[in-house]
Amino acid sequence: MSAKHPIIAVTGSSGAGTTSVKSAFEHIFIRESFFPCLIEGDSFHRYDRREMETEAKKALGSGENFSHFGPEANLFEELEQQFINYGKSGTCKVRKYLHDEREALPYDQEPGTFTDWEDHRTESDLLFYEGLHGGIVNENVNVAAHVDLLIGVVPVVNLEWIQKIHRDIAERGYRPEVVTNTILRRMYDYIHYITPQFSRTDVNFQRVPTVDTSNPFIARDIPTPDESFVVIRFSNPRKFNIDFCYLQAMIQGSFMSRRNTIVVPGGKMGLTIELVFGPVIEKIVQKSKALKNRMRRKKPVYQTVSVV
């Protein structure tokens, strides 16, 4: 962790809704004039789309487990190193994974490819990561150890699958059977590499639908926010001085289900994120700026002396 160069990570499975949480944080950054260095988890995949298809076929033929959730298909060491570099110096390298034609067009590249790695040159107040592995820990890496605020986005699994199926079909052009096979192929890695992260988070957001999602593979639409609740669990409310009485007063329809858990209407999730994390991020950034200013003042000033 780094008080001088803080890191915030939002982690969750494919289709979990991390992008929606990212949007709420972007509102905070804009309102408070904070300048984040943005890192997308997909940029740390090991293979582009065509290479991934080839490797997946090889793994299937040899009976090996292989998916975007596991270490074989990702650059975990490189991700950890970028977090280390940012924590030390406030600098890192970034690239983009171009999911579709809209994203690829400005770069004159094919969808499913990566842009080149580049230094993030703009001075930033914090690093903000959104992706699959913001809290990953295995025998080789401990990414979670470098994160100052780790947030998990974890809808109940049937809702997660519905969201992924609809997104991949509507936005990325996949056939329904391809998406279903992907979900099945990823199950081992989902259990071993995705879900353990949510025991390391500072906060988890879990959307729970109030409509029938018994068979996610035939669902015609995604339950709306008004058709769901969001269960928000804080691992240690004192760490960020969470005032549950204030939140209940501000968020109509909210209630406490446990001493560290508040439940809010699905449509109030964005508001809740801003109410909870606006003050938290402000304190983190203020502390960071104070440390940077202190370091600048401590730097020795050398004067040029003319010798006659």
Protein backbone atom coordinates (compact mmCIF):
# COMPACT_ATOMS: atom_id res chain seq x y z
CA MET A 1 0.00 0.00 0.00
CA SER A 2 1.10 3.56 -0.59
CA ALA A 3 -0.21 6.63 1.18
CA LYS A 4 1.75 8.88 -1.18
CA HIS A 5 0.50 7.20 -4.39
CA PRO A 6 -2.80 5.45 -3.46
CA ILE A 7 -4.38 2.60 -5.42
CA ILE A 8 -8.10 1.81 -5.63
CA ALA A 9 -9.22 -1.44 -7.27
CA VAL A 10 -12.70 -2.58 -8.28
CA THR A 11 -12.70 -6.31 -8.93
CA GLY A 12 -15.38 -8.69 -10.17
CA SER A 13 -16.18 -11.41 -12.65
CA SER A 14 -17.03 -10.86 -16.30
CA GLY A 15 -20.56 -9.45 -16.42
CA ALA A 16 -20.62 -8.65 -12.70
CA GLY A 17 -21.21 -4.93 -13.18
CA THR A 18 -17.78 -3.47 -12.38
CA THR A 19 -18.20 -0.96 -15.23
CA SER A 20 -21.27 0.54 -13.51
CA VAL A 21 -19.30 0.93 -10.30
CA LYS A 22 -16.45 2.50 -12.27
CA SER A 23 -18.90 5.08 -13.66
CA ALA A 24 -19.98 6.07 -10.15
CA PHE A 25 -16.34 6.57 -9.16
CA GLU A 26 -15.74 8.67 -12.28
CA HIS A 27 -18.53 10.99 -11.09
CA ILE A 28 -16.62 11.43 -7.82
CA PHE A 29 -13.35 12.12 -9.66
CA ILE A 30 -14.96 14.74 -11.91
CA ARG A 31 -16.85 16.47 -9.10
CA GLU A 32 -13.79 16.64 -6.81
CA SER A 33 -11.32 17.41 -9.66
CA PHE A 34 -9.24 14.31 -8.95
CA PHE A 35 -7.08 12.98 -11.79
CA PRO A 36 -6.82 9.17 -11.79
CA CYS A 37 -4.49 6.91 -13.73
CA LEU A 38 -6.97 4.38 -15.16
CA ILE A 39 -5.96 0.74 -15.63
CA GLU A 40 -8.28 -1.76 -17.31
CA GLY A 41 -7.96 -5.36 -16.18
CA ASP A 42 -8.43 -6.67 -19.73
CA SER A 43 -5.16 -5.01 -20.73
CA PHE A 44 -3.34 -7.65 -18.66
CA HIS A 45 -4.67 -10.61 -20.62
CA ARG A 46 -1.80 -12.63 -22.03
CA TYR A 47 -3.33 -13.25 -25.47
CA ASP A 48 -5.36 -11.28 -27.99
CA ARG A 49 -8.67 -12.72 -29.20
CA ARG A 50 -7.30 -14.93 -31.99
CA GLU A 51 -4.45 -16.20 -29.84
CA MET A 52 -6.88 -16.92 -27.00
CA GLU A 53 -9.08 -19.00 -29.29
CA THR A 54 -6.05 -21.00 -30.43
CA GLU A 55 -4.80 -21.59 -26.89
CA ALA A 56 -8.28 -22.55 -25.68
CA LYS A 57 -8.56 -25.20 -28.41
CA LYS A 58 -5.14 -26.60 -27.47
CA ALA A 59 -6.13 -26.78 -23.81
CA LEU A 60 -9.46 -28.44 -24.64
CA GLY A 61 -7.71 -31.06 -26.77
CA SER A 62 -5.28 -31.94 -23.98
CA GLY A 63 -7.88 -31.83 -21.21
CA GLU A 64 -6.30 -28.84 -19.47
CA ASN A 65 -8.14 -26.05 -17.72
CA PHE A 66 -7.79 -22.67 -19.45
CA SER A 67 -9.76 -19.42 -19.22
CA HIS A 68 -9.47 -15.64 -18.82
CA PHE A 69 -9.99 -16.12 -15.08
CA GLY A 70 -6.84 -18.17 -14.51
CA PRO A 71 -3.09 -17.45 -14.40
CA GLU A 72 -2.28 -19.15 -17.71
CA ALA A 73 -4.19 -16.50 -19.67
CA ASN A 74 -3.11 -13.43 -17.70
CA LEU A 75 -0.07 -11.35 -16.83
CA PHE A 76 -0.43 -11.42 -13.04
CA GLU A 77 3.25 -10.64 -12.39
CA GLU A 78 3.12 -7.62 -14.70
CA LEU A 79 -0.06 -6.37 -13.03
CA GLU A 80 1.54 -6.59 -9.60
CA GLN A 81 4.66 -4.83 -10.89
CA GLN A 82 2.58 -1.93 -12.23
CA PHE A 83 0.94 -1.56 -8.81
CA ILE A 84 4.39 -1.64 -7.16
CA ASN A 85 5.76 0.95 -9.59
CA TYR A 86 2.82 3.27 -9.05
CA GLY A 87 3.00 2.93 -5.28
CA LYS A 88 6.69 3.89 -5.33
CA SER A 89 6.77 6.63 -7.95
CA GLY A 90 3.24 7.40 -9.16
CA THR A 91 4.12 6.09 -12.64
CA CYS A 92 3.01 3.03 -14.60
CA LYS A 93 2.49 1.68 -18.10
CA VAL A 94 -0.94 1.31 -19.70
CA ARG A 95 -2.52 -0.20 -22.80
CA LYS A 96 -6.05 -0.97 -23.97
CA TYR A 97 -7.77 -4.16 -25.07
CA LEU A 98 -10.06 -3.24 -27.96
CA HIS A 99 -13.26 -5.23 -27.47
CA ASP A 100 -15.24 -4.18 -30.54
CA GLU A 101 -15.15 -2.09 -33.72
CA ARG A 102 -16.16 1.08 -31.90
CA GLU A 103 -13.18 0.83 -29.56
CA ALA A 104 -10.79 -0.29 -32.31
CA LEU A 105 -11.67 2.40 -34.87
CA PRO A 106 -9.62 5.29 -33.37
CA TYR A 107 -6.51 3.05 -33.33
CA ASP A 108 -6.97 1.61 -36.84
CA GLN A 109 -6.72 -1.92 -35.41
CA GLU A 110 -8.82 -5.05 -35.44
CA PRO A 111 -11.20 -5.70 -32.54
CA GLY A 112 -9.78 -8.18 -30.05
CA THR A 113 -6.26 -6.74 -30.16
CA PHE A 114 -4.15 -4.64 -27.79
CA THR A 115 -2.74 -1.17 -28.22
CA ASP A 116 0.98 -0.72 -27.49
CA TRP A 117 2.19 -0.26 -23.93
CA GLU A 118 2.79 3.39 -23.10
CA ASP A 119 3.98 5.33 -20.08
CA HIS A 120 1.15 7.12 -18.30
CA ARG A 121 2.66 10.58 -18.58
CA THR A 122 0.01 12.74 -16.92
CA GLU A 123 0.48 13.44 -13.22
CA SER A 124 -2.29 11.66 -11.28
CA ASP A 125 -3.79 11.72 -7.80
CA LEU A 126 -4.38 7.96 -7.62
CA LEU A 127 -4.42 4.75 -9.64
CA PHE A 128 -7.86 3.29 -10.37
CA TYR A 129 -8.08 -0.35 -11.53
CA GLU A 130 -11.24 -2.03 -12.80
CA GLY A 131 -11.20 -5.67 -13.88
CA LEU A 132 -11.07 -9.33 -12.94
CA HIS A 133 -8.03 -9.53 -10.67
CA GLY A 134 -7.64 -6.47 -8.46
CA GLY A 135 -7.36 -8.70 -5.40
CA ILE A 136 -5.62 -11.76 -6.85
CA VAL A 137 -3.24 -13.74 -4.64
CA ASN A 138 -1.46 -16.97 -5.55
CA GLU A 139 1.92 -18.61 -5.01
CA ASN A 140 3.63 -16.06 -7.27
CA VAL A 141 1.87 -12.72 -6.67
CA ASN A 142 -0.02 -10.76 -4.04
CA VAL A 143 -1.75 -7.95 -5.94
CA ALA A 144 -4.16 -7.27 -3.06
CA ALA A 145 -1.27 -6.28 -0.78
CA HIS A 146 -0.64 -3.15 -2.86
CA VAL A 147 -4.24 -1.86 -2.89
CA ASP A 148 -5.39 0.84 -0.46
CA LEU A 149 -9.11 0.38 -1.15
CA LEU A 150 -10.33 -2.93 -2.61
CA ILE A 151 -13.96 -3.19 -3.74
CA GLY A 152 -15.72 -6.35 -4.89
CA VAL A 153 -18.72 -6.40 -7.24
CA VAL A 154 -20.52 -9.71 -6.85
CA PRO A 155 -24.09 -10.16 -8.06
CA VAL A 156 -25.73 -13.48 -7.22
CA VAL A 157 -24.37 -15.95 -9.74
CA ASN A 158 -27.51 -16.40 -11.86
CA LEU A 159 -27.80 -12.63 -12.29
CA GLU A 160 -24.10 -12.44 -13.14
CA TRP A 161 -24.59 -15.02 -15.90
CA ILE A 162 -27.66 -13.21 -17.27
CA GLN A 163 -25.71 -9.95 -17.43
CA LYS A 164 -22.75 -11.63 -19.17
CA ILE A 165 -24.95 -13.46 -21.71
CA HIS A 166 -26.85 -10.32 -22.67
CA ARG A 167 -23.69 -8.14 -22.82
CA ASP A 168 -21.67 -10.58 -24.91
CA ILE A 169 -24.51 -11.17 -27.38
CA ALA A 170 -25.70 -7.57 -27.71
CA GLU A 171 -22.39 -5.67 -27.48
CA ARG A 172 -19.75 -8.15 -28.64
CA GLY A 173 -21.64 -10.24 -31.19
CA TYR A 174 -21.19 -13.69 -29.68
CA ARG A 175 -23.68 -16.50 -30.24
CA PRO A 176 -25.63 -17.67 -27.14
CA GLU A 177 -24.10 -21.16 -27.22
CA VAL A 178 -20.59 -19.68 -27.33
CA VAL A 179 -21.26 -17.58 -24.23
CA THR A 180 -22.75 -20.57 -22.40
CA ASN A 181 -19.73 -22.73 -23.22
CA THR A 182 -17.44 -19.96 -21.98
CA ILE A 183 -19.27 -19.84 -18.63
CA LEU A 184 -18.90 -23.61 -18.25
CA ARG A 185 -15.23 -23.61 -19.28
CA ARG A 186 -14.40 -20.89 -16.73
CA MET A 187 -16.04 -22.55 -13.72
CA TYR A 188 -12.89 -24.09 -12.22
CA ASP A 189 -10.98 -20.81 -12.45
CA TYR A 190 -14.01 -18.87 -11.23
CA ILE A 191 -14.02 -20.90 -8.01
CA HIS A 192 -10.24 -20.84 -7.49
CA TYR A 193 -9.24 -17.35 -8.68
CA ILE A 194 -12.28 -15.05 -8.72
CA THR A 195 -14.35 -15.83 -5.62
CA PRO A 196 -11.42 -15.91 -3.12
CA GLN A 197 -10.79 -12.23 -3.85
CA PHE A 198 -14.08 -11.27 -2.20
CA SER A 199 -12.76 -12.43 1.17
CA ARG A 200 -9.94 -9.87 0.85
CA THR A 201 -12.05 -6.84 -0.11
CA ASP A 202 -12.77 -3.82 2.05
CA VAL A 203 -16.31 -3.64 0.64
CA ASN A 204 -18.50 -5.98 -1.41
CA PHE A 205 -21.50 -4.92 -3.50
CA GLN A 206 -23.85 -7.81 -4.22
CA ARG A 207 -26.93 -7.20 -6.37
CA VAL A 208 -29.81 -9.54 -5.54
CA PRO A 209 -32.80 -9.64 -7.93
CA THR A 210 -36.37 -9.73 -6.67
CA VAL A 211 -37.62 -11.48 -9.83
CA ASP A 212 -37.23 -15.08 -10.96
CA THR A 213 -33.76 -15.81 -12.40
CA SER A 214 -33.92 -19.58 -11.94
CA ASN A 215 -32.78 -20.35 -15.48
CA PRO A 216 -30.34 -17.63 -16.58
CA PHE A 217 -29.79 -19.25 -19.98
CA ILE A 218 -33.32 -18.50 -21.19
CA ALA A 219 -33.83 -15.11 -19.51
CA ARG A 220 -35.13 -12.59 -22.03
CA ASP A 221 -33.88 -9.50 -20.22
CA ILE A 222 -31.71 -8.34 -17.34
CA PRO A 223 -33.57 -7.50 -14.13
CA THR A 224 -33.66 -3.73 -13.77
CA PRO A 225 -32.15 -1.91 -10.77
CA ASP A 226 -35.70 -1.35 -9.46
CA GLU A 227 -36.16 -5.13 -9.51
CA SER A 228 -33.28 -5.73 -7.13
CA PHE A 229 -31.57 -4.84 -3.87
CA VAL A 230 -27.85 -4.30 -3.31
CA VAL A 231 -26.25 -5.89 -0.25
CA ILE A 232 -23.19 -3.88 0.84
CA ARG A 233 -20.80 -5.56 3.27
CA PHE A 234 -17.91 -3.68 4.92
CA SER A 235 -15.13 -5.89 6.27
CA ASN A 236 -14.18 -3.22 8.82
CA PRO A 237 -16.55 -0.20 8.97
CA ARG A 238 -14.21 1.62 11.39
CA LYS A 239 -11.41 1.67 8.82
CA PHE A 240 -13.30 4.26 6.77
CA ASN A 241 -15.53 5.69 9.53
CA ILE A 242 -18.74 4.43 7.92
CA ASP A 243 -21.77 6.16 9.44
CA PHE A 244 -24.64 3.74 8.92
CA CYS A 245 -27.21 6.02 10.58
CA TYR A 246 -26.32 8.77 8.09
CA LEU A 247 -26.59 6.37 5.14
CA GLN A 248 -30.01 5.10 6.27
CA ALA A 249 -31.23 8.67 6.62
CA MET A 250 -29.97 9.62 3.15
CA ILE A 251 -31.02 6.47 1.25
CA GLN A 252 -34.76 5.86 1.29
CA GLY A 253 -35.68 2.18 1.64
CA SER A 254 -32.30 1.11 3.06
CA PHE A 255 -31.94 -1.08 6.13
CA MET A 256 -29.27 -2.88 8.16
CA SER A 257 -29.18 -6.68 7.85
CA ARG A 258 -26.04 -7.17 9.98
CA ARG A 259 -23.81 -4.89 12.04
CA ASN A 260 -21.46 -4.39 9.03
CA THR A 261 -24.02 -4.77 6.22
CA ILE A 262 -26.50 -2.30 4.75
CA VAL A 263 -29.07 -3.16 2.08
CA VAL A 264 -30.16 -0.47 -0.40
CA PRO A 265 -32.64 -0.44 -3.32
CA GLY A 266 -30.90 -1.36 -6.59
CA GLY A 267 -31.62 2.03 -8.12
CA LYS A 268 -29.74 3.74 -5.27
CA MET A 269 -26.44 1.92 -5.82
CA GLY A 270 -24.74 4.84 -7.60
CA LEU A 271 -25.87 7.29 -4.94
CA THR A 272 -24.63 4.97 -2.20
CA ILE A 273 -21.20 4.68 -3.82
CA GLU A 274 -20.89 8.46 -3.99
CA LEU A 275 -22.09 8.95 -0.40
CA VAL A 276 -19.75 6.28 0.99
CA PHE A 277 -16.63 6.73 -1.10
CA GLY A 278 -16.70 10.45 -1.86
CA PRO A 279 -15.41 11.34 1.63
CA VAL A 280 -13.12 8.28 1.70
CA ILE A 281 -11.37 9.18 -1.56
CA GLU A 282 -11.15 12.84 -0.52
CA LYS A 283 -9.26 11.85 2.64
CA ILE A 284 -6.98 9.46 0.72
CA VAL A 285 -6.10 12.10 -1.88
CA GLN A 286 -5.64 14.88 0.70
CA LYS A 287 -3.22 12.68 2.64
CA SER A 288 -1.38 11.84 -0.57
CA LYS A 289 -1.04 15.51 -1.56
CA ALA A 290 0.14 16.46 1.92
CA LEU A 291 2.89 13.81 1.80
CA LYS A 292 3.97 14.92 -1.68
CA ASN A 293 4.15 18.56 -0.57
CA ARG A 294 6.17 17.57 2.49
CA MET A 295 8.64 15.66 0.32
CA ARG A 296 9.03 18.64 -2.01
CA ARG A 297 9.81 20.93 0.91
CA LYS A 298 12.45 18.52 2.19
CA LYS A 299 14.38 18.48 -1.09
CA PRO A 300 17.65 20.42 -0.70
CA VAL A 301 18.03 23.63 -2.69
CA TYR A 302 21.42 24.06 -4.32
CA GLN A 303 22.71 27.57 -5.11
CA THR A 304 25.20 28.35 -7.80
CA VAL A 305 28.23 30.16 -6.43
CA SER A 306 30.38 32.21 -8.77
CA VAL A 307 34.11 31.73 -8.28
CA VAL A 308 36.21 34.77 -9.13
